[in-house]
């Protein structure tokens, strides 16, 4: 009997080797790089808010201040009308967010669950508005606001920003995936449209409303162009206008106070996002399904 020997010499180099999956490693490296690009300037801004004026102007890069000036946070409120700017930003941003959520949810409900003549044309109209930059329509909007007498008023700051085509389209996408049978069952039980809107629609769309609320609040809080056109008195200036005024000081720019003001202005946005981060992620995912 002839004994067969395993031919190890031919097939040894072709043995199965475990594959290295470089995809997750590459994605992780990209995420870390992007996080550093965001975190490093934020860290520099925060540390600079505790420095003196001379330390912020030195060409030598020093991350930690030689002496921590905690009084910058009290000085920025005492030397400037920073408290007034902060109050105005809170009033305007919260009002714009609430109005936008109500109007967008109502309009999105109508476009998603009601059939009426011109519904498709109206939806295309909102999509067309999304493609038009605000700089194109800001002069006509300013003329309309001036005709209403809303220049240098809270109305002029809030009402034009209270409705957004993006909000209407976003809520329409989120509401359209809800089953029609749910609303029909509520109508058969005798529920009116207002009751359906408040008791059924709003709880089901809470993630999308949270996501839209965060985006709206962030856009209104950082808005500089429109308040620059409408506001004329210091008593109505918002934080972006106040920071811009600090950055163009008559007797030089105090960069330590400017960084302090930037840190304070970023706190409300962080608090809002951290409070609604789980709803925000779910809302973005639901709004982008269709």
Protein backbone atom coordinates (compact mmCIF):
# COMPACT_ATOMS: atom_id res chain seq x y z
CA UNK A 1 0.00 0.00 0.00
CA UNK A 2 1.33 3.37 -1.00
CA UNK A 3 1.22 5.93 1.81
CA UNK A 4 0.14 9.41 0.76
CA UNK A 5 2.00 12.23 2.37
CA UNK A 6 0.38 15.62 2.78
CA UNK A 7 1.78 18.06 0.30
CA UNK A 8 2.62 20.84 2.71
CA UNK A 9 5.17 22.56 0.61
CA UNK A 10 2.83 23.66 -2.16
CA UNK A 11 -0.17 24.86 -0.21
CA UNK A 12 1.54 26.22 2.90
CA UNK A 13 1.88 29.80 1.58
CA UNK A 14 -1.80 29.84 0.63
CA UNK A 15 -3.19 29.01 4.06
CA UNK A 16 -6.11 31.13 5.22
CA UNK A 17 -4.93 34.19 7.08
CA UNK A 18 -7.23 36.38 9.18
CA UNK A 19 -8.10 39.57 7.35
CA UNK A 20 -7.40 42.86 8.97
CA UNK A 21 -10.42 45.13 8.94
CA UNK A 22 -9.03 48.63 8.57
CA UNK A 23 -12.44 50.24 8.03
CA UNK A 24 -13.42 50.72 11.69
CA UNK A 25 -9.89 51.91 12.52
CA UNK A 26 -9.97 54.48 9.72
CA UNK A 27 -13.43 55.71 10.73
CA UNK A 28 -12.34 55.99 14.35
CA UNK A 29 -9.25 57.99 13.36
CA UNK A 30 -11.37 60.38 11.29
CA UNK A 31 -13.82 60.84 14.18
CA UNK A 32 -10.97 61.55 16.60
CA UNK A 33 -9.44 64.04 14.16
CA UNK A 34 -12.70 65.91 13.68
CA UNK A 35 -13.29 65.92 17.45
CA UNK A 36 -9.87 67.45 18.00
CA UNK A 37 -10.54 70.12 15.38
CA UNK A 38 -13.64 71.11 17.34
CA UNK A 39 -12.32 70.63 20.87
CA UNK A 40 -8.92 72.36 20.60
CA UNK A 41 -10.27 75.83 19.65
CA UNK A 42 -12.95 75.48 22.34
CA UNK A 43 -10.29 74.63 24.92
CA UNK A 44 -8.13 77.56 23.81
CA UNK A 45 -11.12 79.92 24.07
CA UNK A 46 -11.96 78.69 27.57
CA UNK A 47 -8.38 78.97 28.86
CA UNK A 48 -7.95 82.40 27.27
CA UNK A 49 -10.99 83.65 29.19
CA UNK A 50 -8.92 83.33 32.40
CA UNK A 51 -5.86 85.16 31.05
CA UNK A 52 -4.87 88.79 31.23
CA UNK A 53 -4.88 91.10 28.22
CA UNK A 54 -1.11 90.89 27.83
CA UNK A 55 -1.11 87.09 27.83
CA UNK A 56 -3.69 86.94 25.05
CA UNK A 57 -1.58 89.25 22.88
CA UNK A 58 1.78 87.53 23.39
CA UNK A 59 3.14 85.69 20.31
CA UNK A 60 4.33 82.83 22.51
CA UNK A 61 1.77 80.04 22.72
CA UNK A 62 0.93 79.32 26.33
CA UNK A 63 -2.04 77.13 27.02
CA UNK A 64 -2.36 77.68 30.75
CA UNK A 65 -2.49 81.24 32.11
CA UNK A 66 0.32 82.27 34.46
CA UNK A 67 -2.32 83.69 36.79
CA UNK A 68 -5.99 82.75 36.72
CA UNK A 69 -8.16 85.87 36.34
CA UNK A 70 -11.59 84.73 37.48
CA UNK A 71 -12.64 88.37 37.68
CA UNK A 72 -12.96 88.44 33.88
CA UNK A 73 -16.41 86.89 34.22
CA UNK A 74 -17.61 89.67 36.51
CA UNK A 75 -15.84 92.38 34.55
CA UNK A 76 -17.50 91.41 31.28
CA UNK A 77 -20.88 92.08 32.90
CA UNK A 78 -19.81 95.28 34.66
CA UNK A 79 -17.93 97.01 31.82
CA UNK A 80 -20.42 96.08 29.08
CA UNK A 81 -24.17 95.66 28.80
CA UNK A 82 -23.57 91.94 28.56
CA UNK A 83 -26.47 91.09 30.86
CA UNK A 84 -28.85 92.99 28.58
CA UNK A 85 -27.48 91.24 25.50
CA UNK A 86 -27.83 87.85 27.20
CA UNK A 87 -31.43 88.57 28.24
CA UNK A 88 -32.37 89.70 24.73
CA UNK A 89 -30.85 86.57 23.19
CA UNK A 90 -32.78 84.35 25.60
CA UNK A 91 -36.08 86.12 24.87
CA UNK A 92 -35.61 86.13 21.10
CA UNK A 93 -34.25 82.58 20.77
CA UNK A 94 -36.87 80.98 23.04
CA UNK A 95 -39.71 82.87 21.32
CA UNK A 96 -38.48 81.98 17.84
CA UNK A 97 -38.07 78.33 18.83
CA UNK A 98 -41.57 78.02 20.32
CA UNK A 99 -43.26 79.78 17.37
CA UNK A 100 -41.31 77.74 14.84
CA UNK A 101 -42.19 74.45 16.55
CA UNK A 102 -45.91 75.27 16.65
CA UNK A 103 -46.12 76.58 13.08
CA UNK A 104 -43.92 73.85 11.59
CA UNK A 105 -45.80 71.03 13.32
CA UNK A 106 -49.18 72.39 12.26
CA UNK A 107 -48.07 72.98 8.67
CA UNK A 108 -46.32 69.62 8.54
CA UNK A 109 -49.45 67.90 9.84
CA UNK A 110 -51.56 69.53 7.15
CA UNK A 111 -49.14 68.70 4.35
CA UNK A 112 -48.65 65.10 5.50
CA UNK A 113 -52.14 63.94 6.50
CA UNK A 114 -54.65 66.09 4.60
CA UNK A 115 -55.51 66.04 0.92
CA UNK A 116 -56.40 69.39 -0.61
CA UNK A 117 -55.91 71.05 -4.00
CA UNK A 118 -52.43 72.42 -4.47
CA UNK A 119 -50.79 70.41 -1.70
CA UNK A 120 -47.97 69.19 -3.95
CA UNK A 121 -47.45 72.67 -5.34
CA UNK A 122 -47.27 74.09 -1.82
CA UNK A 123 -44.71 71.49 -0.82
CA UNK A 124 -42.62 72.33 -3.88
CA UNK A 125 -42.88 75.98 -2.90
CA UNK A 126 -41.36 75.23 0.51
CA UNK A 127 -38.61 73.20 -1.15
CA UNK A 128 -37.86 76.12 -3.46
CA UNK A 129 -37.56 78.46 -0.48
CA UNK A 130 -34.89 76.17 0.98
CA UNK A 131 -32.73 76.83 -2.08
CA UNK A 132 -32.88 80.62 -1.73
CA UNK A 133 -30.22 82.19 0.54
CA UNK A 134 -31.46 84.63 3.15
CA UNK A 135 -29.22 87.35 1.71
CA UNK A 136 -31.41 87.37 -1.40
CA UNK A 137 -34.66 88.10 0.45
CA UNK A 138 -33.44 90.10 3.45
CA UNK A 139 -34.07 93.50 1.81
CA UNK A 140 -37.74 92.70 0.91
CA UNK A 141 -38.24 91.25 4.41
CA UNK A 142 -36.72 94.40 5.90
CA UNK A 143 -39.09 96.59 3.88
CA UNK A 144 -42.09 94.56 5.09
CA UNK A 145 -40.91 94.78 8.70
CA UNK A 146 -40.45 98.53 8.35
CA UNK A 147 -43.97 98.91 6.96
CA UNK A 148 -45.32 97.18 10.07
CA UNK A 149 -43.30 99.51 12.29
CA UNK A 150 -41.29 96.67 13.81
CA UNK A 151 -37.84 98.18 13.35
CA UNK A 152 -35.94 98.23 16.65
CA UNK A 153 -38.56 96.06 18.39
CA UNK A 154 -38.81 92.50 19.62
CA UNK A 155 -41.47 91.85 16.97
CA UNK A 156 -38.98 92.60 14.22
CA UNK A 157 -36.47 90.20 15.73
CA UNK A 158 -38.90 87.35 16.40
CA UNK A 159 -41.69 87.25 13.79
CA UNK A 160 -39.62 86.99 10.56
CA UNK A 161 -37.61 84.11 12.04
CA UNK A 162 -40.64 82.37 13.55
CA UNK A 163 -41.44 80.44 10.37
CA UNK A 164 -38.90 78.41 8.42
CA UNK A 165 -39.34 76.33 5.30
CA UNK A 166 -36.86 73.82 6.67
CA UNK A 167 -38.97 73.34 9.79
CA UNK A 168 -42.13 72.75 7.77
CA UNK A 169 -40.43 70.25 5.47
CA UNK A 170 -38.70 68.51 8.37
CA UNK A 171 -41.92 68.04 10.34
CA UNK A 172 -43.80 66.96 7.21
CA UNK A 173 -41.26 64.18 6.70
CA UNK A 174 -41.50 63.11 10.32
CA UNK A 175 -45.32 63.10 10.41
CA UNK A 176 -45.77 61.37 7.05
CA UNK A 177 -44.32 58.10 8.38
CA UNK A 178 -46.97 57.88 11.12
CA UNK A 179 -49.79 55.43 10.24
CA UNK A 180 -52.99 57.01 8.92
CA UNK A 181 -55.05 54.37 10.76
CA UNK A 182 -54.05 55.93 14.07
CA UNK A 183 -55.60 59.28 13.17
CA UNK A 184 -58.65 57.67 11.60
CA UNK A 185 -59.28 55.65 14.78
CA UNK A 186 -59.08 58.82 16.84
CA UNK A 187 -61.60 60.56 14.57
CA UNK A 188 -63.97 57.59 14.82
CA UNK A 189 -63.79 57.88 18.60
CA UNK A 190 -64.97 61.47 18.31
CA UNK A 191 -61.65 63.27 18.78
CA UNK A 192 -61.31 66.64 17.06
CA UNK A 193 -58.29 67.76 15.10
CA UNK A 194 -57.01 69.92 17.95
CA UNK A 195 -57.24 66.99 20.36
CA UNK A 196 -55.50 64.71 17.85
CA UNK A 197 -52.78 67.31 17.40
CA UNK A 198 -52.11 67.81 21.11
CA UNK A 199 -52.70 64.29 22.48
CA UNK A 200 -51.49 62.06 19.63
CA UNK A 201 -49.34 63.95 17.16
CA UNK A 202 -47.11 65.95 19.51
CA UNK A 203 -46.16 63.00 21.79
CA UNK A 204 -45.34 60.79 18.79
CA UNK A 205 -43.26 63.54 17.17
CA UNK A 206 -41.40 64.57 20.34
CA UNK A 207 -37.96 63.41 19.02
CA UNK A 208 -38.42 65.36 15.79
CA UNK A 209 -39.68 68.40 17.69
CA UNK A 210 -36.64 68.22 19.99
CA UNK A 211 -34.27 68.02 17.02
CA UNK A 212 -35.95 70.93 15.27
CA UNK A 213 -36.01 72.91 18.51
CA UNK A 214 -32.26 72.50 19.01
CA UNK A 215 -31.49 73.52 15.43
CA UNK A 216 -33.83 76.51 15.61
CA UNK A 217 -32.48 77.67 18.97
CA UNK A 218 -28.91 77.35 17.75
CA UNK A 219 -29.62 79.29 14.55
CA UNK A 220 -31.44 82.08 16.38
CA UNK A 221 -28.86 82.28 19.17
CA UNK A 222 -25.98 82.73 16.70
CA UNK A 223 -27.86 84.96 14.26
CA UNK A 224 -25.95 88.17 13.55
CA UNK A 225 -27.10 89.45 10.17
CA UNK A 226 -30.80 90.02 10.83
CA UNK A 227 -30.42 91.71 14.26
CA UNK A 228 -27.73 93.89 12.70
CA UNK A 229 -30.33 95.18 10.22
CA UNK A 230 -33.26 95.56 12.60
CA UNK A 231 -31.75 96.64 15.92
CA UNK A 232 -30.62 100.21 16.45
CA UNK A 233 -30.53 100.69 20.23
CA UNK A 234 -28.22 98.99 22.73
CA UNK A 235 -31.18 97.89 24.84
CA UNK A 236 -32.28 95.41 22.13
CA UNK A 237 -28.93 94.08 20.98
CA UNK A 238 -28.38 90.34 21.19
CA UNK A 239 -25.21 88.48 22.14
CA UNK A 240 -23.76 88.22 18.61
CA UNK A 241 -24.11 91.99 18.23
CA UNK A 242 -22.59 92.55 21.66
CA UNK A 243 -19.62 90.30 20.90
CA UNK A 244 -19.13 92.01 17.54
CA UNK A 245 -19.15 95.35 19.32
CA UNK A 246 -16.56 94.09 21.79
CA UNK A 247 -14.40 92.84 18.89
CA UNK A 248 -14.35 96.31 17.32
CA UNK A 249 -13.61 98.34 20.45
CA UNK A 250 -12.71 101.98 20.10
CA UNK A 251 -9.68 101.71 22.40
CA UNK A 252 -8.50 98.29 21.32
CA UNK A 253 -9.86 94.82 21.71
CA UNK A 254 -9.67 93.13 25.10
CA UNK A 255 -9.39 89.58 23.86
CA UNK A 256 -9.62 88.07 27.33
CA UNK A 257 -13.05 89.66 27.85
CA UNK A 258 -14.05 88.74 24.32
CA UNK A 259 -13.17 85.09 24.99
CA UNK A 260 -15.06 85.30 28.29
CA UNK A 261 -18.14 86.55 26.51
CA UNK A 262 -17.82 83.79 23.91
CA UNK A 263 -17.63 81.14 26.64
CA UNK A 264 -20.72 82.53 28.38
CA UNK A 265 -22.65 82.69 25.11
CA UNK A 266 -21.84 79.05 24.32
CA UNK A 267 -23.13 77.70 27.66
CA UNK A 268 -26.91 77.87 26.87
CA UNK A 269 -26.44 76.06 23.56
CA UNK A 270 -24.47 73.28 25.25
CA UNK A 271 -27.06 72.95 27.99
CA UNK A 272 -29.93 72.72 25.48
CA UNK A 273 -28.11 70.13 23.38
CA UNK A 274 -27.05 67.99 26.35
CA UNK A 275 -30.59 68.06 27.74
CA UNK A 276 -32.08 66.85 24.45
CA UNK A 277 -29.23 64.88 22.88
CA UNK A 278 -31.05 61.53 22.87
CA UNK A 279 -34.17 63.06 21.33
CA UNK A 280 -31.99 65.02 18.90
CA UNK A 281 -30.33 61.93 17.43
CA UNK A 282 -33.65 60.06 17.17
CA UNK A 283 -35.36 63.07 15.62
CA UNK A 284 -32.71 63.50 12.94
CA UNK A 285 -32.92 59.79 12.11
CA UNK A 286 -36.73 59.82 11.90
CA UNK A 287 -36.82 63.04 9.87
CA UNK A 288 -34.42 61.62 7.31
CA UNK A 289 -36.08 58.24 6.78
CA UNK A 290 -38.06 59.41 3.76
